C-alpha cells in the first residue's frame, strides 16, 4: 500500500493571464501578497422528494466556482498591477475578463509538465484599503466562467497545452 503524504499548499498553483490574450498569454503566479486562497465550488443543487418517498434526494446539477483572494498591495507585482488597473478604471463585463490556470504541482509530472485546467474568469474587485498603520489590501474574487479546459502546464516556459 502506498504511503499517504500531505500536500503542501504551495503545490497547488494559480496563475492569471495578465495580458488578457488567449493567443499569447502572460501567466503570472498569484502568490506574493496572498496568504490564503481557496476555491469555493458553489454547487447548484436540486432537492426533490417524490410522492412515493419519505426521504428526499439532492442532485448536484452544476457548479459556479469562485476564488476569493485577500491580497496585500505590492507595487510592481504583475498580478497586483493588473487587478489594481481594473479597480482604478472600474472595468466591467468583458474588460475585466481573462483566463486563470490551476496547476496541480503535486500530481506526477510528464516531461516537465503538470496537469492543469484553464478557465475563463471575470475579476471582481471587492475591497481596497485597510486599517491605519497596516499595509494596504486589495481583495478580489475570480468568478470562473463555463467549463474548464483540461491540459498540462510547463512551469519553465509558462505555457499551457490543452488536451
Protein backbone atom coordinates (compact mmCIF):
# COMPACT_ATOMS: atom_id res chain seq x y z
CA UNK A 1 0.00 0.00 0.00
CA UNK A 2 1.32 3.45 -0.93
CA UNK A 3 2.20 5.75 1.90
CA UNK A 4 -0.08 8.78 2.28
CA UNK A 5 1.50 12.20 2.14
CA UNK A 6 0.11 15.59 2.98
CA UNK A 7 0.06 18.01 0.05
CA UNK A 8 1.73 21.34 0.66
CA UNK A 9 -0.37 24.37 -0.33
CA UNK A 10 2.50 25.61 -2.49
CA UNK A 11 1.97 22.55 -4.73
CA UNK A 12 -1.40 23.91 -5.92
CA UNK A 13 -0.60 26.97 -8.01
CA UNK A 14 -2.95 29.52 -9.54
CA UNK A 15 -1.89 31.70 -12.46
CA UNK A 16 -3.67 34.68 -14.03
CA UNK A 17 -3.28 35.83 -17.63
CA UNK A 18 -2.41 39.49 -17.12
CA UNK A 19 -2.08 40.06 -20.89
CA UNK A 20 -5.73 39.01 -21.39
CA UNK A 21 -4.59 37.34 -24.61
CA UNK A 22 -5.57 33.73 -25.35
CA UNK A 23 -3.06 33.55 -28.23
CA UNK A 24 -0.12 34.87 -26.23
CA UNK A 25 -0.95 34.78 -22.51
CA UNK A 26 1.24 36.22 -19.75
CA UNK A 27 0.75 33.65 -16.99
CA UNK A 28 1.60 35.33 -13.68
CA UNK A 29 1.60 33.37 -10.43
CA UNK A 30 -0.87 34.57 -7.80
CA UNK A 31 1.14 34.28 -4.63
CA UNK A 32 3.08 37.28 -3.39
CA UNK A 33 0.85 39.26 -1.06
CA UNK A 34 -1.70 36.42 -0.77
CA UNK A 35 -1.65 34.34 2.41
CA UNK A 36 -4.83 32.33 1.86
CA UNK A 37 -6.84 31.39 -1.22
CA UNK A 38 -9.34 28.58 -1.79
CA UNK A 39 -11.79 27.58 -4.49
CA UNK A 40 -15.45 27.71 -3.47
CA UNK A 41 -17.20 25.36 -5.87
CA UNK A 42 -20.69 26.70 -5.03
CA UNK A 43 -22.61 23.60 -6.15
CA UNK A 44 -26.00 24.27 -7.70
CA UNK A 45 -28.34 21.60 -6.40
CA UNK A 46 -31.86 20.38 -6.93
CA UNK A 47 -33.69 18.86 -3.98
CA UNK A 48 -36.71 16.64 -4.52
CA UNK A 49 -38.97 14.33 -2.53
CA UNK A 50 -41.14 12.17 -4.75
CA UNK A 51 -44.65 11.37 -3.60
CA UNK A 52 -43.78 7.70 -3.08
CA UNK A 53 -40.78 8.52 -0.84
CA UNK A 54 -40.38 9.58 2.77
CA UNK A 55 -36.85 10.91 2.29
CA UNK A 56 -35.64 13.25 -0.40
CA UNK A 57 -32.58 13.34 -2.56
CA UNK A 58 -30.27 16.08 -3.73
CA UNK A 59 -28.69 16.17 -7.17
CA UNK A 60 -25.67 18.32 -7.98
CA UNK A 61 -26.63 19.95 -11.26
CA UNK A 62 -23.75 22.34 -11.83
CA UNK A 63 -21.03 24.42 -10.18
CA UNK A 64 -20.32 28.16 -10.04
CA UNK A 65 -16.74 28.23 -8.75
CA UNK A 66 -15.26 31.37 -7.24
CA UNK A 67 -11.83 32.06 -5.81
CA UNK A 68 -11.63 34.83 -3.22
CA UNK A 69 -8.20 36.26 -2.55
CA UNK A 70 -7.28 38.85 0.04
CA UNK A 71 -4.03 40.42 -1.20
CA UNK A 72 -1.54 42.80 0.35
CA UNK A 73 -0.88 45.53 -2.21
CA UNK A 74 2.64 45.06 -3.61
CA UNK A 75 3.61 47.71 -6.17
CA UNK A 76 5.47 46.04 -9.02
CA UNK A 77 3.80 42.64 -8.61
CA UNK A 78 2.24 41.82 -12.02
CA UNK A 79 -0.96 40.38 -10.52
CA UNK A 80 -1.45 43.34 -8.19
CA UNK A 81 -0.77 45.83 -11.03
CA UNK A 82 -3.26 44.04 -13.31
CA UNK A 83 -6.07 43.96 -10.72
CA UNK A 84 -5.32 47.46 -9.47
CA UNK A 85 -5.75 48.75 -13.04
CA UNK A 86 -9.14 47.01 -13.23
CA UNK A 87 -10.06 48.72 -9.94
CA UNK A 88 -8.84 52.19 -10.87
CA UNK A 89 -10.69 52.16 -14.18
CA UNK A 90 -13.70 50.30 -12.74
CA UNK A 91 -13.67 47.89 -15.64
CA UNK A 92 -16.75 45.73 -16.15
CA UNK A 93 -18.08 42.99 -18.44
CA UNK A 94 -15.52 41.81 -21.00
CA UNK A 95 -13.00 44.43 -19.81
CA UNK A 96 -12.49 42.51 -16.56
CA UNK A 97 -12.33 39.04 -18.13
CA UNK A 98 -9.21 36.97 -18.56
CA UNK A 99 -8.10 33.37 -18.05
CA UNK A 100 -6.85 31.65 -14.94
CA UNK A 101 -4.91 28.45 -14.68
CA UNK A 102 -4.98 25.94 -11.83
CA UNK A 103 -1.81 23.84 -11.82
CA UNK A 104 -1.53 20.64 -9.80
CA UNK A 105 2.18 20.51 -8.96
CA UNK A 106 1.52 17.64 -6.55
CA UNK A 107 0.46 15.35 -9.41
CA UNK A 108 3.12 13.37 -11.32
CA UNK A 109 4.79 15.47 -13.98
CA UNK A 110 5.05 14.29 -17.56
CA UNK A 111 8.12 15.57 -19.36
CA UNK A 112 8.36 18.57 -17.04
CA UNK A 113 4.67 19.40 -17.48
CA UNK A 114 1.97 19.21 -14.81
CA UNK A 115 -1.78 18.57 -15.03
CA UNK A 116 -3.68 21.84 -15.20
CA UNK A 117 -7.03 23.34 -16.06
CA UNK A 118 -7.66 26.66 -17.75
CA UNK A 119 -10.84 28.62 -17.08
CA UNK A 120 -12.23 31.86 -18.38
CA UNK A 121 -12.87 34.17 -15.43
CA UNK A 122 -14.14 37.60 -14.56
CA UNK A 123 -12.10 39.50 -11.99
CA UNK A 124 -14.26 41.13 -9.34
CA UNK A 125 -12.59 43.80 -7.20
CA UNK A 126 -14.12 43.58 -3.73
CA UNK A 127 -12.24 45.99 -1.44
CA UNK A 128 -9.25 48.31 -1.44
CA UNK A 129 -7.73 49.98 1.61
CA UNK A 130 -7.35 48.79 5.17
CA UNK A 131 -6.72 49.93 8.70
CA UNK A 132 -4.36 52.72 9.72
CA UNK A 133 -0.80 51.62 10.36
CA UNK A 134 -1.22 48.47 8.24
CA UNK A 135 -0.37 47.56 4.66
CA UNK A 136 -2.98 48.35 2.03
CA UNK A 137 -5.15 45.41 0.98
CA UNK A 138 -6.70 44.65 -2.40
CA UNK A 139 -9.32 41.93 -2.04
CA UNK A 140 -10.62 40.34 -5.22
CA UNK A 141 -12.64 37.36 -6.44
CA UNK A 142 -12.16 35.30 -9.58
CA UNK A 143 -15.53 34.16 -10.92
CA UNK A 144 -14.88 31.12 -13.12
CA UNK A 145 -16.99 31.11 -16.29
CA UNK A 146 -18.12 27.98 -18.09
CA UNK A 147 -16.34 24.65 -18.27
CA UNK A 148 -12.64 24.33 -17.57
CA UNK A 149 -10.30 23.09 -20.29
CA UNK A 150 -8.03 20.27 -19.15
CA UNK A 151 -4.39 20.11 -20.20
CA UNK A 152 -0.81 20.44 -19.00
CA UNK A 153 1.34 23.38 -17.91
CA UNK A 154 5.06 23.80 -18.40
CA UNK A 155 6.30 25.97 -15.50
CA UNK A 156 9.61 26.72 -17.23
CA UNK A 157 8.16 28.15 -20.46
CA UNK A 158 4.89 29.12 -18.73
CA UNK A 159 2.81 27.55 -21.47
CA UNK A 160 -0.49 25.68 -21.25
CA UNK A 161 -1.29 22.93 -23.74
CA UNK A 162 -4.92 21.78 -23.95
CA UNK A 163 -5.70 18.05 -24.15
